[in-house]
PDB file of all heavy atoms in Angstrom:
ATOM      1  N   GLY A   1     -30.017  30.309 -47.634  1.00  0.00           N
ATOM      2  CA  GLY A   1     -29.281  29.073 -47.846  1.00  0.00           C
ATOM      3  C   GLY A   1     -30.156  27.981 -48.442  1.00  0.00           C
ATOM      4  O   GLY A   1     -31.052  28.247 -49.254  1.00  0.00           O
ATOM      5  N   PRO A   2     -29.935  26.735 -48.055  1.00  0.00           N
ATOM      6  CA  PRO A   2     -30.756  25.631 -48.559  1.00  0.00           C
ATOM      7  C   PRO A   2     -32.031  25.416 -47.752  1.00  0.00           C
ATOM      8  O   PRO A   2     -32.728  24.428 -47.975  1.00  0.00           O
ATOM      9  CB  PRO A   2     -29.824  24.424 -48.419  1.00  0.00           C
ATOM     10  CG  PRO A   2     -28.987  24.755 -47.244  1.00  0.00           C
ATOM     11  CD  PRO A   2     -28.797  26.242 -47.266  1.00  0.00           C
ATOM     12  N   LEU A   3     -32.346  26.312 -46.827  1.00  0.00           N
ATOM     13  CA  LEU A   3     -33.548  26.159 -45.995  1.00  0.00           C
ATOM     14  C   LEU A   3     -34.742  26.891 -46.564  1.00  0.00           C
ATOM     15  O   LEU A   3     -35.884  26.616 -46.179  1.00  0.00           O
ATOM     16  CB  LEU A   3     -33.276  26.657 -44.576  1.00  0.00           C
ATOM     17  CG  LEU A   3     -32.548  25.717 -43.605  1.00  0.00           C
ATOM     18  CD1 LEU A   3     -33.298  24.414 -43.447  1.00  0.00           C
ATOM     19  CD2 LEU A   3     -31.115  25.467 -43.996  1.00  0.00           C
ATOM     20  N   GLY A   4     -34.527  27.862 -47.445  1.00  0.00           N
ATOM     21  CA  GLY A   4     -35.623  28.556 -48.094  1.00  0.00           C
ATOM     22  C   GLY A   4     -36.182  29.728 -47.326  1.00  0.00           C
ATOM     23  O   GLY A   4     -37.046  30.439 -47.844  1.00  0.00           O
ATOM     24  N   ASN A   5     -35.719  29.960 -46.114  1.00  0.00           N
ATOM     25  CA  ASN A   5     -36.239  31.037 -45.280  1.00  0.00           C
ATOM     26  C   ASN A   5     -35.142  31.495 -44.327  1.00  0.00           C
ATOM     27  O   ASN A   5     -34.475  30.656 -43.711  1.00  0.00           O
ATOM     28  CB  ASN A   5     -37.467  30.556 -44.497  1.00  0.00           C
ATOM     29  CG  ASN A   5     -38.127  31.653 -43.708  1.00  0.00           C
ATOM     30  OD1 ASN A   5     -37.614  32.094 -42.680  1.00  0.00           O
ATOM     31  ND2 ASN A   5     -39.281  32.099 -44.170  1.00  0.00           N
ATOM     32  N   PRO A   6     -34.923  32.815 -44.188  1.00  0.00           N
ATOM     33  CA  PRO A   6     -33.858  33.290 -43.295  1.00  0.00           C
ATOM     34  C   PRO A   6     -34.038  32.838 -41.847  1.00  0.00           C
ATOM     35  O   PRO A   6     -33.047  32.562 -41.157  1.00  0.00           O
ATOM     36  CB  PRO A   6     -33.943  34.817 -43.413  1.00  0.00           C
ATOM     37  CG  PRO A   6     -34.618  35.069 -44.724  1.00  0.00           C
ATOM     38  CD  PRO A   6     -35.567  33.931 -44.918  1.00  0.00           C
ATOM     39  N   ILE A   7     -35.290  32.745 -41.383  1.00  0.00           N
ATOM     40  CA  ILE A   7     -35.525  32.327 -39.999  1.00  0.00           C
ATOM     41  C   ILE A   7     -35.082  30.883 -39.802  1.00  0.00           C
ATOM     42  O   ILE A   7     -34.391  30.554 -38.830  1.00  0.00           O
ATOM     43  CB  ILE A   7     -37.005  32.510 -39.634  1.00  0.00           C
ATOM     44  CG1 ILE A   7     -37.383  33.990 -39.649  1.00  0.00           C
ATOM     45  CG2 ILE A   7     -37.298  31.901 -38.271  1.00  0.00           C
ATOM     46  CD1 ILE A   7     -38.855  34.244 -39.424  1.00  0.00           C
ATOM     47  N   LEU A   8     -35.474  30.017 -40.734  1.00  0.00           N
ATOM     48  CA  LEU A   8     -35.099  28.605 -40.613  1.00  0.00           C
ATOM     49  C   LEU A   8     -33.588  28.431 -40.721  1.00  0.00           C
ATOM     50  O   LEU A   8     -32.991  27.626 -39.997  1.00  0.00           O
ATOM     51  CB  LEU A   8     -35.804  27.783 -41.691  1.00  0.00           C
ATOM     52  CG  LEU A   8     -37.339  27.849 -41.689  1.00  0.00           C
ATOM     53  CD1 LEU A   8     -37.899  26.948 -42.781  1.00  0.00           C
ATOM     54  CD2 LEU A   8     -37.886  27.452 -40.327  1.00  0.00           C
ATOM     55  N   LEU A   9     -32.960  29.185 -41.622  1.00  0.00           N
ATOM     56  CA  LEU A   9     -31.505  29.123 -41.725  1.00  0.00           C
ATOM     57  C   LEU A   9     -30.853  29.578 -40.432  1.00  0.00           C
ATOM     58  O   LEU A   9     -29.893  28.959 -39.947  1.00  0.00           O
ATOM     59  CB  LEU A   9     -31.019  29.987 -42.889  1.00  0.00           C
ATOM     60  CG  LEU A   9     -29.509  30.193 -42.955  1.00  0.00           C
ATOM     61  CD1 LEU A   9     -28.791  28.897 -43.281  1.00  0.00           C
ATOM     62  CD2 LEU A   9     -29.127  31.288 -43.934  1.00  0.00           C
ATOM     63  N   GLY A  10     -31.359  30.670 -39.854  1.00  0.00           N
ATOM     64  CA  GLY A  10     -30.789  31.171 -38.607  1.00  0.00           C
ATOM     65  C   GLY A  10     -30.875  30.163 -37.481  1.00  0.00           C
ATOM     66  O   GLY A  10     -29.944  30.028 -36.681  1.00  0.00           O
ATOM     67  N   ILE A  11     -31.972  29.414 -37.424  1.00  0.00           N
ATOM     68  CA  ILE A  11     -32.127  28.408 -36.364  1.00  0.00           C
ATOM     69  C   ILE A  11     -31.144  27.260 -36.556  1.00  0.00           C
ATOM     70  O   ILE A  11     -30.497  26.806 -35.605  1.00  0.00           O
ATOM     71  CB  ILE A  11     -33.576  27.897 -36.339  1.00  0.00           C
ATOM     72  CG1 ILE A  11     -34.520  29.018 -35.892  1.00  0.00           C
ATOM     73  CG2 ILE A  11     -33.714  26.692 -35.416  1.00  0.00           C
ATOM     74  CD1 ILE A  11     -35.983  28.674 -36.022  1.00  0.00           C
ATOM     75  N   VAL A  12     -30.994  26.771 -37.798  1.00  0.00           N
ATOM     76  CA  VAL A  12     -30.050  25.686 -38.058  1.00  0.00           C
ATOM     77  C   VAL A  12     -28.618  26.157 -37.784  1.00  0.00           C
ATOM     78  O   VAL A  12     -27.809  25.424 -37.187  1.00  0.00           O
ATOM     79  CB  VAL A  12     -30.200  25.186 -39.503  1.00  0.00           C
ATOM     80  CG1 VAL A  12     -29.075  24.229 -39.865  1.00  0.00           C
ATOM     81  CG2 VAL A  12     -31.541  24.493 -39.679  1.00  0.00           C
ATOM     82  N   ALA A  13     -28.286  27.383 -38.202  1.00  0.00           N
ATOM     83  CA  ALA A  13     -26.947  27.913 -37.925  1.00  0.00           C
ATOM     84  C   ALA A  13     -26.718  28.066 -36.426  1.00  0.00           C
ATOM     85  O   ALA A  13     -25.613  27.809 -35.925  1.00  0.00           O
ATOM     86  CB  ALA A  13     -26.767  29.255 -38.635  1.00  0.00           C
ATOM     87  N   ALA A  14     -27.753  28.475 -35.692  1.00  0.00           N
ATOM     88  CA  ALA A  14     -27.626  28.595 -34.241  1.00  0.00           C
ATOM     89  C   ALA A  14     -27.380  27.232 -33.602  1.00  0.00           C
ATOM     90  O   ALA A  14     -26.594  27.107 -32.655  1.00  0.00           O
ATOM     91  CB  ALA A  14     -28.884  29.235 -33.658  1.00  0.00           C
ATOM     92  N   CYS A  15     -28.035  26.182 -34.120  1.00  0.00           N
ATOM     93  CA  CYS A  15     -27.789  24.828 -33.613  1.00  0.00           C
ATOM     94  C   CYS A  15     -26.349  24.400 -33.892  1.00  0.00           C
ATOM     95  O   CYS A  15     -25.690  23.803 -33.034  1.00  0.00           O
ATOM     96  CB  CYS A  15     -28.767  23.843 -34.251  1.00  0.00           C
ATOM     97  SG  CYS A  15     -30.477  24.012 -33.703  1.00  0.00           S
ATOM     98  N   GLY A  16     -25.865  24.685 -35.102  1.00  0.00           N
ATOM     99  CA  GLY A  16     -24.480  24.356 -35.422  1.00  0.00           C
ATOM    100  C   GLY A  16     -23.501  25.111 -34.548  1.00  0.00           C
ATOM    101  O   GLY A  16     -22.483  24.553 -34.107  1.00  0.00           O
ATOM    102  N   LEU A  17     -23.790  26.385 -34.274  1.00  0.00           N
ATOM    103  CA  LEU A  17     -22.927  27.181 -33.403  1.00  0.00           C
ATOM    104  C   LEU A  17     -22.896  26.607 -31.994  1.00  0.00           C
ATOM    105  O   LEU A  17     -21.820  26.455 -31.395  1.00  0.00           O
ATOM    106  CB  LEU A  17     -23.439  28.626 -33.378  1.00  0.00           C
ATOM    107  CG  LEU A  17     -22.781  29.563 -32.364  1.00  0.00           C
ATOM    108  CD1 LEU A  17     -21.307  29.757 -32.687  1.00  0.00           C
ATOM    109  CD2 LEU A  17     -23.509  30.917 -32.328  1.00  0.00           C
ATOM    110  N   ALA A  18     -24.069  26.276 -31.437  1.00  0.00           N
ATOM    111  CA  ALA A  18     -24.134  25.750 -30.072  1.00  0.00           C
ATOM    112  C   ALA A  18     -23.389  24.425 -29.956  1.00  0.00           C
ATOM    113  O   ALA A  18     -22.650  24.193 -28.980  1.00  0.00           O
ATOM    114  CB  ALA A  18     -25.593  25.581 -29.651  1.00  0.00           C
ATOM    115  N   ALA A  19     -23.567  23.537 -30.947  1.00  0.00           N
ATOM    116  CA  ALA A  19     -22.876  22.243 -30.909  1.00  0.00           C
ATOM    117  C   ALA A  19     -21.368  22.424 -31.020  1.00  0.00           C
ATOM    118  O   ALA A  19     -20.594  21.747 -30.329  1.00  0.00           O
ATOM    119  CB  ALA A  19     -23.388  21.354 -32.036  1.00  0.00           C
ATOM    120  N   ALA A  20     -20.927  23.334 -31.886  1.00  0.00           N
ATOM    121  CA  ALA A  20     -19.490  23.580 -32.033  1.00  0.00           C
ATOM    122  C   ALA A  20     -18.885  24.176 -30.768  1.00  0.00           C
ATOM    123  O   ALA A  20     -17.776  23.814 -30.359  1.00  0.00           O
ATOM    124  CB  ALA A  20     -19.248  24.499 -33.230  1.00  0.00           C
ATOM    125  N   ILE A  21     -19.622  25.092 -30.117  1.00  0.00           N
ATOM    126  CA  ILE A  21     -19.135  25.676 -28.867  1.00  0.00           C
ATOM    127  C   ILE A  21     -19.036  24.621 -27.780  1.00  0.00           C
ATOM    128  O   ILE A  21     -18.076  24.589 -26.987  1.00  0.00           O
ATOM    129  CB  ILE A  21     -20.061  26.826 -28.425  1.00  0.00           C
ATOM    130  CG1 ILE A  21     -19.943  28.006 -29.394  1.00  0.00           C
ATOM    131  CG2 ILE A  21     -19.721  27.284 -27.006  1.00  0.00           C
ATOM    132  CD1 ILE A  21     -18.591  28.677 -29.406  1.00  0.00           C
ATOM    133  N   ALA A  22     -20.029  23.714 -27.711  1.00  0.00           N
ATOM    134  CA  ALA A  22     -19.990  22.648 -26.705  1.00  0.00           C
ATOM    135  C   ALA A  22     -18.759  21.771 -26.882  1.00  0.00           C
ATOM    136  O   ALA A  22     -18.135  21.345 -25.897  1.00  0.00           O
ATOM    137  CB  ALA A  22     -21.269  21.813 -26.787  1.00  0.00           C
ATOM    138  N   ARG A  23     -18.400  21.495 -28.111  1.00  0.00           N
ATOM    139  CA  ARG A  23     -17.193  20.697 -28.348  1.00  0.00           C
ATOM    140  C   ARG A  23     -15.930  21.524 -28.140  1.00  0.00           C
ATOM    141  O   ARG A  23     -14.912  21.012 -27.667  1.00  0.00           O
ATOM    142  CB  ARG A  23     -17.220  20.131 -29.766  1.00  0.00           C
ATOM    143  CG  ARG A  23     -18.192  18.978 -29.916  1.00  0.00           C
ATOM    144  CD  ARG A  23     -17.988  18.253 -31.220  1.00  0.00           C
ATOM    145  NE  ARG A  23     -18.693  16.971 -31.224  1.00  0.00           N
ATOM    146  CZ  ARG A  23     -18.727  16.156 -32.253  1.00  0.00           C
ATOM    147  NH1 ARG A  23     -18.096  16.472 -33.380  1.00  0.00           N
ATOM    148  NH2 ARG A  23     -19.377  15.014 -32.173  1.00  0.00           N
ATOM    149  N   LEU A  24     -16.004  22.797 -28.501  1.00  0.00           N
ATOM    150  CA  LEU A  24     -14.830  23.659 -28.322  1.00  0.00           C
ATOM    151  C   LEU A  24     -14.474  23.814 -26.855  1.00  0.00           C
ATOM    152  O   LEU A  24     -13.305  24.018 -26.510  1.00  0.00           O
ATOM    153  CB  LEU A  24     -15.107  25.027 -28.950  1.00  0.00           C
ATOM    154  CG  LEU A  24     -13.960  26.040 -28.998  1.00  0.00           C
ATOM    155  CD1 LEU A  24     -12.791  25.491 -29.808  1.00  0.00           C
ATOM    156  CD2 LEU A  24     -14.449  27.359 -29.576  1.00  0.00           C
ATOM    157  N   ALA A  25     -15.472  23.714 -25.967  1.00  0.00           N
ATOM    158  CA  ALA A  25     -15.217  23.866 -24.534  1.00  0.00           C
ATOM    159  C   ALA A  25     -14.518  22.663 -23.922  1.00  0.00           C
ATOM    160  O   ALA A  25     -14.048  22.742 -22.778  1.00  0.00           O
ATOM    161  CB  ALA A  25     -16.540  24.116 -23.804  1.00  0.00           C
ATOM    162  N   ARG A  26     -14.425  21.566 -24.655  1.00  0.00           N
ATOM    163  CA  ARG A  26     -13.713  20.402 -24.137  1.00  0.00           C
ATOM    164  C   ARG A  26     -12.202  20.647 -24.184  1.00  0.00           C
ATOM    165  O   ARG A  26     -11.672  21.127 -25.183  1.00  0.00           O
ATOM    166  CB  ARG A  26     -14.040  19.165 -24.963  1.00  0.00           C
ATOM    167  CG  ARG A  26     -15.483  18.709 -24.883  1.00  0.00           C
ATOM    168  CD  ARG A  26     -15.702  17.535 -25.824  1.00  0.00           C
ATOM    169  NE  ARG A  26     -17.068  17.038 -25.766  1.00  0.00           N
ATOM    170  CZ  ARG A  26     -17.541  16.088 -26.556  1.00  0.00           C
ATOM    171  NH1 ARG A  26     -16.750  15.541 -27.481  1.00  0.00           N
ATOM    172  NH2 ARG A  26     -18.789  15.693 -26.434  1.00  0.00           N
ATOM    173  N   PRO A  27     -11.483  20.298 -23.142  1.00  0.00           N
ATOM    174  CA  PRO A  27     -10.030  20.525 -23.144  1.00  0.00           C
ATOM    175  C   PRO A  27      -9.300  19.783 -24.255  1.00  0.00           C
ATOM    176  O   PRO A  27      -8.289  20.259 -24.770  1.00  0.00           O
ATOM    177  CB  PRO A  27      -9.593  20.025 -21.757  1.00  0.00           C
ATOM    178  CG  PRO A  27     -10.823  20.091 -20.917  1.00  0.00           C
ATOM    179  CD  PRO A  27     -11.963  19.801 -21.841  1.00  0.00           C
ATOM    180  N   ALA A  28      -9.801  18.617 -24.653  1.00  0.00           N
ATOM    181  CA  ALA A  28      -9.092  17.797 -25.638  1.00  0.00           C
ATOM    182  C   ALA A  28      -9.508  18.081 -27.074  1.00  0.00           C
ATOM    183  O   ALA A  28      -9.033  17.408 -27.987  1.00  0.00           O
ATOM    184  CB  ALA A  28      -9.313  16.315 -25.329  1.00  0.00           C
ATOM    185  N   SER A  29     -10.392  19.046 -27.315  1.00  0.00           N
ATOM    186  CA  SER A  29     -10.873  19.308 -28.666  1.00  0.00           C
ATOM    187  C   SER A  29      -9.845  20.098 -29.478  1.00  0.00           C
ATOM    188  O   SER A  29      -8.854  20.612 -28.940  1.00  0.00           O
ATOM    189  CB  SER A  29     -12.184  20.083 -28.611  1.00  0.00           C
ATOM    190  OG  SER A  29     -11.991  21.338 -27.991  1.00  0.00           O
ATOM    191  N   ASP A  30     -10.083  20.182 -30.771  1.00  0.00           N
ATOM    192  CA  ASP A  30      -9.180  20.876 -31.689  1.00  0.00           C
ATOM    193  C   ASP A  30      -9.713  22.286 -31.954  1.00  0.00           C
ATOM    194  O   ASP A  30     -10.629  22.466 -32.764  1.00  0.00           O
ATOM    195  CB  ASP A  30      -9.075  20.092 -32.996  1.00  0.00           C
ATOM    196  CG  ASP A  30      -8.116  20.745 -33.991  1.00  0.00           C
ATOM    197  OD1 ASP A  30      -7.437  21.710 -33.599  1.00  0.00           O
ATOM    198  OD2 ASP A  30      -8.055  20.279 -35.141  1.00  0.00           O
ATOM    199  N   PRO A  31      -9.175  23.318 -31.317  1.00  0.00           N
ATOM    200  CA  PRO A  31      -9.711  24.674 -31.504  1.00  0.00           C
ATOM    201  C   PRO A  31      -9.484  25.224 -32.901  1.00  0.00           C
ATOM    202  O   PRO A  31     -10.265  26.053 -33.380  1.00  0.00           O
ATOM    203  CB  PRO A  31      -8.962  25.494 -30.444  1.00  0.00           C
ATOM    204  CG  PRO A  31      -7.705  24.734 -30.205  1.00  0.00           C
ATOM    205  CD  PRO A  31      -8.037  23.297 -30.379  1.00  0.00           C
ATOM    206  N   TRP A  32      -8.420  24.796 -33.583  1.00  0.00           N
ATOM    207  CA  TRP A  32      -8.131  25.325 -34.915  1.00  0.00           C
ATOM    208  C   TRP A  32      -9.149  24.842 -35.942  1.00  0.00           C
ATOM    209  O   TRP A  32      -9.320  25.471 -36.994  1.00  0.00           O
ATOM    210  CB  TRP A  32      -6.730  24.922 -35.343  1.00  0.00           C
ATOM    211  CG  TRP A  32      -5.670  25.488 -34.446  1.00  0.00           C
ATOM    212  CD1 TRP A  32      -4.943  24.823 -33.516  1.00  0.00           C
ATOM    213  CD2 TRP A  32      -5.263  26.853 -34.385  1.00  0.00           C
ATOM    214  NE1 TRP A  32      -4.088  25.680 -32.867  1.00  0.00           N
ATOM    215  CE2 TRP A  32      -4.263  26.937 -33.380  1.00  0.00           C
ATOM    216  CE3 TRP A  32      -5.622  28.020 -35.068  1.00  0.00           C
ATOM    217  CZ2 TRP A  32      -3.629  28.132 -33.058  1.00  0.00           C
ATOM    218  CZ3 TRP A  32      -4.996  29.204 -34.746  1.00  0.00           C
ATOM    219  CH2 TRP A  32      -4.012  29.257 -33.750  1.00  0.00           C
ATOM    220  N   ARG A  33      -9.831  23.756 -35.659  1.00  0.00           N
ATOM    221  CA  ARG A  33     -10.881  23.273 -36.553  1.00  0.00           C
ATOM    222  C   ARG A  33     -12.250  23.766 -36.122  1.00  0.00           C
ATOM    223  O   ARG A  33     -13.068  24.163 -36.960  1.00  0.00           O
ATOM    224  CB  ARG A  33     -10.871  21.737 -36.576  1.00  0.00           C
ATOM    225  CG  ARG A  33     -11.948  21.123 -37.447  1.00  0.00           C
ATOM    226  CD  ARG A  33     -11.799  19.603 -37.480  1.00  0.00           C
ATOM    227  NE  ARG A  33     -11.897  19.033 -36.150  1.00  0.00           N
ATOM    228  CZ  ARG A  33     -13.038  18.651 -35.574  1.00  0.00           C
ATOM    229  NH1 ARG A  33     -14.179  18.819 -36.220  1.00  0.00           N
ATOM    230  NH2 ARG A  33     -13.035  18.127 -34.374  1.00  0.00           N
ATOM    231  N   LEU A  34     -12.518  23.784 -34.823  1.00  0.00           N
ATOM    232  CA  LEU A  34     -13.853  24.117 -34.341  1.00  0.00           C
ATOM    233  C   LEU A  34     -14.115  25.621 -34.321  1.00  0.00           C
ATOM    234  O   LEU A  34     -15.254  26.050 -34.543  1.00  0.00           O
ATOM    235  CB  LEU A  34     -14.054  23.537 -32.942  1.00  0.00           C
ATOM    236  CG  LEU A  34     -14.176  22.019 -32.868  1.00  0.00           C
ATOM    237  CD1 LEU A  34     -14.142  21.540 -31.424  1.00  0.00           C
ATOM    238  CD2 LEU A  34     -15.454  21.547 -33.539  1.00  0.00           C
ATOM    239  N   ALA A  35     -13.099  26.433 -34.045  1.00  0.00           N
ATOM    240  CA  ALA A  35     -13.309  27.880 -33.977  1.00  0.00           C
ATOM    241  C   ALA A  35     -13.785  28.463 -35.314  1.00  0.00           C
ATOM    242  O   ALA A  35     -14.763  29.235 -35.342  1.00  0.00           O
ATOM    243  CB  ALA A  35     -12.038  28.573 -33.498  1.00  0.00           C
ATOM    244  N   PRO A  36     -13.154  28.124 -36.458  1.00  0.00           N
ATOM    245  CA  PRO A  36     -13.688  28.643 -37.729  1.00  0.00           C
ATOM    246  C   PRO A  36     -15.105  28.144 -38.029  1.00  0.00           C
ATOM    247  O   PRO A  36     -15.923  28.890 -38.583  1.00  0.00           O
ATOM    248  CB  PRO A  36     -12.682  28.117 -38.767  1.00  0.00           C
ATOM    249  CG  PRO A  36     -11.442  27.847 -38.008  1.00  0.00           C
ATOM    250  CD  PRO A  36     -11.884  27.409 -36.650  1.00  0.00           C
ATOM    251  N   ILE A  37     -15.389  26.897 -37.661  1.00  0.00           N
ATOM    252  CA  ILE A  37     -16.738  26.367 -37.873  1.00  0.00           C
ATOM    253  C   ILE A  37     -17.755  27.167 -37.073  1.00  0.00           C
ATOM    254  O   ILE A  37     -18.821  27.552 -37.590  1.00  0.00           O
ATOM    255  CB  ILE A  37     -16.778  24.878 -37.488  1.00  0.00           C
ATOM    256  CG1 ILE A  37     -16.010  24.041 -38.514  1.00  0.00           C
ATOM    257  CG2 ILE A  37     -18.220  24.382 -37.362  1.00  0.00           C
ATOM    258  CD1 ILE A  37     -15.889  22.575 -38.142  1.00  0.00           C
ATOM    259  N   ALA A  38     -17.445  27.420 -35.809  1.00  0.00           N
ATOM    260  CA  ALA A  38     -18.355  28.209 -34.972  1.00  0.00           C
ATOM    261  C   ALA A  38     -18.512  29.629 -35.520  1.00  0.00           C
ATOM    262  O   ALA A  38     -19.620  30.190 -35.517  1.00  0.00           O
ATOM    263  CB  ALA A  38     -17.848  28.243 -33.539  1.00  0.00           C
ATOM    264  N   ALA A  39     -17.421  30.208 -36.010  1.00  0.00           N
ATOM    265  CA  ALA A  39     -17.481  31.572 -36.546  1.00  0.00           C
ATOM    266  C   ALA A  39     -18.362  31.640 -37.782  1.00  0.00           C
ATOM    267  O   ALA A  39     -19.152  32.585 -37.950  1.00  0.00           O
ATOM    268  CB  ALA A  39     -16.067  32.056 -36.863  1.00  0.00           C
ATOM    269  N   VAL A  40     -18.248  30.661 -38.677  1.00  0.00           N
ATOM    270  CA  VAL A  40     -19.063  30.639 -39.892  1.00  0.00           C
ATOM    271  C   VAL A  40     -20.544  30.527 -39.541  1.00  0.00           C
ATOM    272  O   VAL A  40     -21.390  31.256 -40.082  1.00  0.00           O
ATOM    273  CB  VAL A  40     -18.624  29.474 -40.812  1.00  0.00           C
ATOM    274  CG1 VAL A  40     -19.651  29.243 -41.909  1.00  0.00           C
ATOM    275  CG2 VAL A  40     -17.257  29.772 -41.415  1.00  0.00           C
ATOM    276  N   ASN A  41     -20.887  29.625 -38.611  1.00  0.00           N
ATOM    277  CA  ASN A  41     -22.284  29.484 -38.209  1.00  0.00           C
ATOM    278  C   ASN A  41     -22.797  30.735 -37.508  1.00  0.00           C
ATOM    279  O   ASN A  41     -23.942  31.151 -37.718  1.00  0.00           O
ATOM    280  CB  ASN A  41     -22.445  28.261 -37.303  1.00  0.00           C
ATOM    281  CG  ASN A  41     -22.440  26.951 -38.060  1.00  0.00           C
ATOM    282  OD1 ASN A  41     -23.451  26.522 -38.598  1.00  0.00           O
ATOM    283  ND2 ASN A  41     -21.283  26.302 -38.124  1.00  0.00           N
TER     284      ASN A  41
END
């Protein structure tokens, strides 16, 4: 990706996944928006 190294990309994607999951676990969040984001990361 734009990180120049698969390891660095994997870490940034893992951070995006963790943040999206944390928001997805909220009862009031929008699963139709957050679930695809988490899946892509």
